[in-house]
Amino acid sequence: MTDKTELTTKNQTEMEPAARQPEPSIRPAVDIFEDESGITLHADMPGISKDRLSVKVEGDTLTIEGDAEIPMPENMEPLYADVRATHYQRSFTLGSEMDTEKVEASLNQGVLTLRIPKRDEHKPRKIEVKVG
């Protein structure tokens, strides 16, 4: 699996054309683990809900994307915010041994977990040795 993401931008369509500026995307931190049956990927995406998340595979490219919702109390505006971008995006190139038809995804407390199994022909198998 190869990480293909650089800092990307998303156009703000809510603004007037003369005032449009690109909105930066957050590149979520990712942990990737491989075992003999496949890959498990954990992406930190705080503030993301299931309905604002997109996980897709096109060809050999896995893309995760989502928009965080940062709730603000009514009639209040933030004076300072460490996080200004609320759009997450990251893409990975998957090897041909991965079975992209069987990807499983779950979201729990802002952590997206993807399980990408290897194709059966790429999984290790035990060969029985016959005697005599």
N, C-alpha and C. Protein backbone atom coordinates (compact mmCIF):
# COMPACT_ATOMS: atom_id res chain seq x y z
N MET A 1 0.86 -1.17 0.00
CA MET A 1 0.00 0.00 0.00
C MET A 1 0.90 1.22 0.00
N THR A 2 0.63 2.13 -0.88
CA THR A 2 1.41 3.35 -1.01
C THR A 2 0.54 4.55 -0.73
N ASP A 3 1.03 5.47 0.10
CA ASP A 3 0.30 6.69 0.42
C ASP A 3 0.49 7.68 -0.71
N LYS A 4 -0.61 8.19 -1.30
CA LYS A 4 -0.54 9.11 -2.44
C LYS A 4 -0.94 10.53 -2.09
N THR A 5 -1.24 10.79 -0.84
CA THR A 5 -1.84 12.07 -0.49
C THR A 5 -0.82 13.14 -0.17
N GLU A 6 -1.04 14.28 -0.69
CA GLU A 6 -0.35 15.50 -0.31
C GLU A 6 -1.43 16.41 0.26
N LEU A 7 -1.06 17.56 0.78
CA LEU A 7 -2.07 18.50 1.26
C LEU A 7 -2.91 18.93 0.08
N THR A 8 -4.21 18.69 0.15
CA THR A 8 -5.10 19.02 -0.96
C THR A 8 -6.04 20.14 -0.55
N THR A 9 -6.75 20.67 -1.53
CA THR A 9 -7.68 21.74 -1.25
C THR A 9 -9.05 21.41 -1.82
N LYS A 10 -10.05 22.04 -1.27
CA LYS A 10 -11.43 21.87 -1.70
C LYS A 10 -12.00 23.28 -1.87
N ASN A 11 -12.62 23.55 -3.00
CA ASN A 11 -13.17 24.89 -3.23
C ASN A 11 -14.37 25.15 -2.35
N GLN A 12 -14.48 26.35 -1.86
CA GLN A 12 -15.64 26.76 -1.09
C GLN A 12 -16.66 27.32 -2.07
N THR A 13 -17.78 26.64 -2.23
CA THR A 13 -18.78 27.09 -3.19
C THR A 13 -19.80 28.02 -2.56
N GLU A 14 -19.76 28.16 -1.25
CA GLU A 14 -20.73 29.02 -0.59
C GLU A 14 -20.39 30.50 -0.78
N MET A 15 -19.13 30.81 -1.09
CA MET A 15 -18.71 32.20 -1.19
C MET A 15 -18.96 32.74 -2.59
N GLU A 16 -18.96 34.03 -2.72
CA GLU A 16 -19.09 34.65 -4.03
C GLU A 16 -17.84 34.36 -4.85
N PRO A 17 -17.95 34.28 -6.20
CA PRO A 17 -16.81 33.91 -7.04
C PRO A 17 -15.55 34.74 -6.80
N ALA A 18 -15.67 36.04 -6.56
CA ALA A 18 -14.50 36.89 -6.38
C ALA A 18 -13.78 36.58 -5.06
N ALA A 19 -14.49 36.05 -4.08
CA ALA A 19 -13.91 35.82 -2.76
C ALA A 19 -13.53 34.36 -2.53
N ARG A 20 -13.65 33.48 -3.53
CA ARG A 20 -13.35 32.06 -3.35
C ARG A 20 -11.87 31.85 -3.07
N GLN A 21 -11.62 31.07 -2.03
CA GLN A 21 -10.27 30.67 -1.71
C GLN A 21 -10.31 29.19 -1.41
N PRO A 22 -9.24 28.47 -1.74
CA PRO A 22 -9.25 27.04 -1.46
C PRO A 22 -9.27 26.78 0.04
N GLU A 23 -10.04 25.77 0.43
CA GLU A 23 -10.11 25.36 1.82
C GLU A 23 -9.16 24.19 2.01
N PRO A 24 -8.23 24.29 2.94
CA PRO A 24 -7.27 23.18 3.11
C PRO A 24 -7.96 21.93 3.65
N SER A 25 -7.40 20.79 3.30
CA SER A 25 -7.89 19.51 3.81
C SER A 25 -6.92 19.01 4.87
N ILE A 26 -7.48 18.28 5.81
CA ILE A 26 -6.66 17.66 6.84
C ILE A 26 -6.27 16.27 6.36
N ARG A 27 -5.02 15.93 6.49
CA ARG A 27 -4.54 14.60 6.15
C ARG A 27 -4.58 13.78 7.43
N PRO A 28 -5.57 12.89 7.58
CA PRO A 28 -5.71 12.18 8.86
C PRO A 28 -4.51 11.27 9.14
N ALA A 29 -4.14 11.20 10.41
CA ALA A 29 -3.09 10.27 10.84
C ALA A 29 -3.60 8.85 10.68
N VAL A 30 -2.74 7.97 10.17
CA VAL A 30 -3.16 6.60 9.86
C VAL A 30 -2.14 5.61 10.42
N ASP A 31 -2.63 4.52 11.00
CA ASP A 31 -1.81 3.39 11.40
C ASP A 31 -2.22 2.22 10.52
N ILE A 32 -1.24 1.52 9.96
CA ILE A 32 -1.52 0.39 9.06
C ILE A 32 -0.79 -0.84 9.58
N PHE A 33 -1.54 -1.94 9.71
CA PHE A 33 -0.99 -3.20 10.19
C PHE A 33 -1.26 -4.27 9.15
N GLU A 34 -0.27 -5.12 8.91
CA GLU A 34 -0.46 -6.22 7.96
C GLU A 34 -0.25 -7.54 8.68
N ASP A 35 -1.11 -8.50 8.36
CA ASP A 35 -0.91 -9.86 8.81
C ASP A 35 -1.05 -10.76 7.59
N GLU A 36 -1.00 -12.05 7.80
CA GLU A 36 -1.01 -12.96 6.64
C GLU A 36 -2.31 -12.94 5.87
N SER A 37 -3.40 -12.46 6.47
CA SER A 37 -4.69 -12.47 5.77
C SER A 37 -5.08 -11.13 5.17
N GLY A 38 -4.35 -10.04 5.50
CA GLY A 38 -4.71 -8.75 4.93
C GLY A 38 -4.13 -7.57 5.68
N ILE A 39 -4.75 -6.41 5.47
CA ILE A 39 -4.30 -5.15 6.06
C ILE A 39 -5.43 -4.55 6.88
N THR A 40 -5.07 -3.99 8.04
CA THR A 40 -6.00 -3.22 8.86
C THR A 40 -5.47 -1.80 8.93
N LEU A 41 -6.34 -0.84 8.65
CA LEU A 41 -5.98 0.57 8.63
C LEU A 41 -6.85 1.31 9.64
N HIS A 42 -6.22 2.11 10.50
CA HIS A 42 -6.93 2.95 11.47
C HIS A 42 -6.63 4.41 11.12
N ALA A 43 -7.66 5.19 10.83
CA ALA A 43 -7.50 6.61 10.50
C ALA A 43 -8.18 7.46 11.57
N ASP A 44 -7.44 8.42 12.12
CA ASP A 44 -7.99 9.32 13.13
C ASP A 44 -8.73 10.46 12.43
N MET A 45 -10.05 10.49 12.61
CA MET A 45 -10.89 11.51 11.96
C MET A 45 -11.91 12.05 12.96
N PRO A 46 -11.44 12.77 14.00
CA PRO A 46 -12.38 13.28 15.00
C PRO A 46 -13.41 14.22 14.41
N GLY A 47 -14.62 14.14 14.92
CA GLY A 47 -15.70 15.00 14.45
C GLY A 47 -16.45 14.46 13.26
N ILE A 48 -16.03 13.31 12.73
CA ILE A 48 -16.68 12.71 11.56
C ILE A 48 -17.82 11.80 12.00
N SER A 49 -18.94 11.92 11.32
CA SER A 49 -20.06 10.99 11.54
C SER A 49 -20.21 10.13 10.29
N LYS A 50 -20.91 9.03 10.43
CA LYS A 50 -21.07 8.07 9.33
C LYS A 50 -21.66 8.72 8.08
N ASP A 51 -22.63 9.61 8.26
CA ASP A 51 -23.29 10.22 7.10
C ASP A 51 -22.43 11.30 6.42
N ARG A 52 -21.32 11.70 7.03
CA ARG A 52 -20.43 12.71 6.44
C ARG A 52 -19.09 12.09 6.01
N LEU A 53 -19.07 10.75 5.88
CA LEU A 53 -17.86 10.01 5.56
C LEU A 53 -18.03 9.28 4.24
N SER A 54 -16.97 9.25 3.44
CA SER A 54 -16.97 8.53 2.17
C SER A 54 -15.72 7.67 2.10
N VAL A 55 -15.91 6.38 1.87
CA VAL A 55 -14.81 5.45 1.67
C VAL A 55 -15.07 4.79 0.33
N LYS A 56 -14.11 4.90 -0.60
CA LYS A 56 -14.33 4.30 -1.91
C LYS A 56 -13.04 3.74 -2.48
N VAL A 57 -13.21 2.73 -3.33
CA VAL A 57 -12.09 2.12 -4.05
C VAL A 57 -12.41 2.26 -5.53
N GLU A 58 -11.49 2.90 -6.25
CA GLU A 58 -11.60 3.02 -7.70
C GLU A 58 -10.31 2.47 -8.29
N GLY A 59 -10.42 1.37 -9.03
CA GLY A 59 -9.23 0.72 -9.55
C GLY A 59 -8.38 0.24 -8.39
N ASP A 60 -7.14 0.72 -8.31
CA ASP A 60 -6.27 0.33 -7.21
C ASP A 60 -6.11 1.44 -6.17
N THR A 61 -7.00 2.44 -6.19
CA THR A 61 -6.90 3.58 -5.28
C THR A 61 -8.01 3.55 -4.23
N LEU A 62 -7.60 3.56 -2.97
CA LEU A 62 -8.52 3.67 -1.83
C LEU A 62 -8.52 5.12 -1.39
N THR A 63 -9.71 5.72 -1.30
CA THR A 63 -9.83 7.12 -0.87
C THR A 63 -10.77 7.19 0.32
N ILE A 64 -10.30 7.88 1.37
CA ILE A 64 -11.17 8.17 2.52
C ILE A 64 -11.31 9.68 2.57
N GLU A 65 -12.55 10.12 2.79
CA GLU A 65 -12.85 11.55 2.75
C GLU A 65 -14.04 11.82 3.67
N GLY A 66 -14.04 12.96 4.32
CA GLY A 66 -15.16 13.30 5.18
C GLY A 66 -15.09 14.74 5.65
N ASP A 67 -16.22 15.22 6.12
CA ASP A 67 -16.32 16.57 6.65
C ASP A 67 -16.71 16.49 8.12
N ALA A 68 -15.87 17.08 8.95
CA ALA A 68 -16.13 17.09 10.39
C ALA A 68 -17.19 18.13 10.72
N GLU A 69 -17.94 17.83 11.71
CA GLU A 69 -18.94 18.77 12.20
C GLU A 69 -18.52 19.19 13.61
N ILE A 70 -18.17 20.45 13.74
CA ILE A 70 -17.73 20.96 15.04
C ILE A 70 -18.89 21.77 15.61
N PRO A 71 -19.59 21.21 16.59
CA PRO A 71 -20.76 21.90 17.13
C PRO A 71 -20.38 23.14 17.92
N MET A 72 -21.16 24.20 17.71
CA MET A 72 -20.97 25.44 18.45
C MET A 72 -22.27 25.77 19.17
N PRO A 73 -22.16 26.20 20.41
CA PRO A 73 -23.38 26.62 21.11
C PRO A 73 -24.04 27.77 20.36
N GLU A 74 -25.35 27.83 20.45
CA GLU A 74 -26.12 28.86 19.76
C GLU A 74 -25.67 30.25 20.20
N ASN A 75 -25.62 31.18 19.27
CA ASN A 75 -25.24 32.59 19.50
C ASN A 75 -23.80 32.76 19.98
N MET A 76 -22.93 31.83 19.63
CA MET A 76 -21.52 31.96 20.01
C MET A 76 -20.66 31.82 18.77
N GLU A 77 -19.52 32.52 18.78
CA GLU A 77 -18.54 32.41 17.72
C GLU A 77 -17.19 32.09 18.35
N PRO A 78 -16.38 31.28 17.68
CA PRO A 78 -15.07 30.98 18.27
C PRO A 78 -14.14 32.18 18.18
N LEU A 79 -13.38 32.43 19.22
CA LEU A 79 -12.37 33.49 19.21
C LEU A 79 -11.06 32.95 18.67
N TYR A 80 -10.80 31.67 18.92
CA TYR A 80 -9.57 31.03 18.48
C TYR A 80 -9.88 29.57 18.19
N ALA A 81 -9.27 29.05 17.12
CA ALA A 81 -9.46 27.64 16.80
C ALA A 81 -8.15 27.06 16.27
N ASP A 82 -7.65 26.01 16.91
CA ASP A 82 -6.45 25.33 16.42
C ASP A 82 -6.74 24.65 15.09
N VAL A 83 -7.93 24.10 14.97
CA VAL A 83 -8.31 23.39 13.75
C VAL A 83 -9.24 24.29 12.95
N ARG A 84 -8.79 24.70 11.79
CA ARG A 84 -9.61 25.55 10.93
C ARG A 84 -10.26 24.75 9.81
N ALA A 85 -9.53 23.77 9.29
CA ALA A 85 -10.08 22.93 8.22
C ALA A 85 -10.94 21.83 8.84
N THR A 86 -12.01 21.51 8.19
CA THR A 86 -12.88 20.44 8.68
C THR A 86 -13.07 19.35 7.64
N HIS A 87 -12.30 19.41 6.55
CA HIS A 87 -12.41 18.41 5.49
C HIS A 87 -11.20 17.48 5.56
N TYR A 88 -11.47 16.18 5.73
CA TYR A 88 -10.41 15.17 5.75
C TYR A 88 -10.33 14.51 4.38
N GLN A 89 -9.09 14.20 3.95
CA GLN A 89 -8.94 13.45 2.71
C GLN A 89 -7.58 12.78 2.67
N ARG A 90 -7.58 11.51 2.25
CA ARG A 90 -6.33 10.77 2.09
C ARG A 90 -6.57 9.63 1.12
N SER A 91 -5.58 9.34 0.28
CA SER A 91 -5.69 8.27 -0.71
C SER A 91 -4.48 7.35 -0.62
N PHE A 92 -4.71 6.08 -0.96
CA PHE A 92 -3.66 5.08 -0.93
C PHE A 92 -3.76 4.23 -2.19
N THR A 93 -2.62 3.77 -2.68
CA THR A 93 -2.59 2.82 -3.79
C THR A 93 -2.51 1.42 -3.19
N LEU A 94 -3.43 0.57 -3.57
CA LEU A 94 -3.47 -0.80 -3.06
C LEU A 94 -2.74 -1.73 -4.01
N GLY A 95 -2.05 -2.71 -3.46
CA GLY A 95 -1.39 -3.72 -4.28
C GLY A 95 -2.41 -4.67 -4.90
N SER A 96 -1.99 -5.36 -5.93
CA SER A 96 -2.90 -6.26 -6.65
C SER A 96 -3.31 -7.46 -5.82
N GLU A 97 -2.58 -7.73 -4.72
CA GLU A 97 -2.94 -8.88 -3.88
C GLU A 97 -4.13 -8.60 -2.95
N MET A 98 -4.57 -7.33 -2.88
CA MET A 98 -5.68 -6.98 -1.99
C MET A 98 -7.02 -7.23 -2.68
N ASP A 99 -7.98 -7.75 -1.93
CA ASP A 99 -9.32 -8.05 -2.45
C ASP A 99 -10.23 -6.85 -2.17
N THR A 100 -10.31 -5.92 -3.12
CA THR A 100 -11.06 -4.68 -2.92
C THR A 100 -12.57 -4.89 -2.89
N GLU A 101 -13.04 -6.06 -3.27
CA GLU A 101 -14.48 -6.36 -3.22
C GLU A 101 -14.94 -6.69 -1.80
N LYS A 102 -14.01 -6.97 -0.90
CA LYS A 102 -14.36 -7.42 0.45
C LYS A 102 -13.89 -6.47 1.54
N VAL A 103 -13.72 -5.19 1.23
CA VAL A 103 -13.29 -4.21 2.23
C VAL A 103 -14.40 -4.01 3.25
N GLU A 104 -14.04 -4.01 4.53
CA GLU A 104 -15.00 -3.77 5.61
C GLU A 104 -14.59 -2.48 6.33
N ALA A 105 -15.58 -1.66 6.68
CA ALA A 105 -15.29 -0.38 7.34
C ALA A 105 -16.17 -0.22 8.58
N SER A 106 -15.59 0.37 9.62
CA SER A 106 -16.36 0.71 10.82
C SER A 106 -15.83 2.03 11.37
N LEU A 107 -16.69 2.76 12.06
CA LEU A 107 -16.34 4.05 12.63
C LEU A 107 -16.72 4.02 14.10
N ASN A 108 -15.74 4.31 14.98
CA ASN A 108 -16.00 4.30 16.41
C ASN A 108 -15.25 5.45 17.06
N GLN A 109 -15.98 6.41 17.60
CA GLN A 109 -15.43 7.55 18.33
C GLN A 109 -14.33 8.27 17.55
N GLY A 110 -14.60 8.54 16.26
CA GLY A 110 -13.69 9.31 15.44
C GLY A 110 -12.54 8.52 14.84
N VAL A 111 -12.53 7.21 15.01
CA VAL A 111 -11.50 6.37 14.41
C VAL A 111 -12.15 5.48 13.36
N LEU A 112 -11.73 5.65 12.12
CA LEU A 112 -12.21 4.82 11.01
C LEU A 112 -11.30 3.60 10.93
N THR A 113 -11.88 2.41 10.94
CA THR A 113 -11.12 1.17 10.82
C THR A 113 -11.52 0.48 9.54
N LEU A 114 -10.54 0.18 8.69
CA LEU A 114 -10.79 -0.54 7.45
C LEU A 114 -10.04 -1.86 7.51
N ARG A 115 -10.70 -2.92 7.07
CA ARG A 115 -10.07 -4.23 6.96
C ARG A 115 -10.08 -4.59 5.48
N ILE A 116 -8.90 -4.76 4.90
CA ILE A 116 -8.77 -5.08 3.49
C ILE A 116 -8.10 -6.44 3.40
N PRO A 117 -8.85 -7.49 3.06
CA PRO A 117 -8.25 -8.84 3.02
C PRO A 117 -7.44 -9.05 1.74
N LYS A 118 -6.53 -10.00 1.82
CA LYS A 118 -5.78 -10.40 0.64
C LYS A 118 -6.64 -11.37 -0.17
N ARG A 119 -6.42 -11.40 -1.46
CA ARG A 119 -7.09 -12.37 -2.31
C ARG A 119 -6.65 -13.76 -1.87
N ASP A 120 -7.55 -14.74 -2.00
CA ASP A 120 -7.26 -16.09 -1.53
C ASP A 120 -5.97 -16.65 -2.12
N GLU A 121 -5.71 -16.37 -3.39
CA GLU A 121 -4.51 -16.92 -4.03
C GLU A 121 -3.22 -16.29 -3.50
N HIS A 122 -3.32 -15.19 -2.73
CA HIS A 122 -2.14 -14.54 -2.17
C HIS A 122 -1.97 -14.82 -0.69
N LYS A 123 -2.92 -15.53 -0.08
CA LYS A 123 -2.79 -15.88 1.32
C LYS A 123 -1.88 -17.10 1.45
N PRO A 124 -1.09 -17.13 2.50
CA PRO A 124 -0.25 -18.32 2.69
C PRO A 124 -1.13 -19.54 2.93
N ARG A 125 -0.70 -20.65 2.43
CA ARG A 125 -1.45 -21.88 2.66
C ARG A 125 -0.48 -22.99 3.03
N LYS A 126 -0.97 -23.89 3.83
CA LYS A 126 -0.15 -24.99 4.29
C LYS A 126 -0.23 -26.13 3.28
N ILE A 127 0.90 -26.69 2.95
CA ILE A 127 0.96 -27.80 2.01
C ILE A 127 1.14 -29.09 2.83
N GLU A 128 0.26 -30.01 2.62
CA GLU A 128 0.35 -31.29 3.32
C GLU A 128 1.43 -32.15 2.68
N VAL A 129 2.29 -32.69 3.51
CA VAL A 129 3.34 -33.56 3.03
C VAL A 129 2.91 -35.01 3.26
N LYS A 130 2.95 -35.81 2.20
CA LYS A 130 2.56 -37.21 2.29
C LYS A 130 3.81 -38.07 2.46
N VAL A 131 3.68 -39.12 3.21
CA VAL A 131 4.80 -40.02 3.47
C VAL A 131 4.57 -41.28 2.64
N GLY A 132 5.62 -41.75 1.97
CA GLY A 132 5.59 -43.04 1.27
C GLY A 132 5.06 -42.95 -0.06
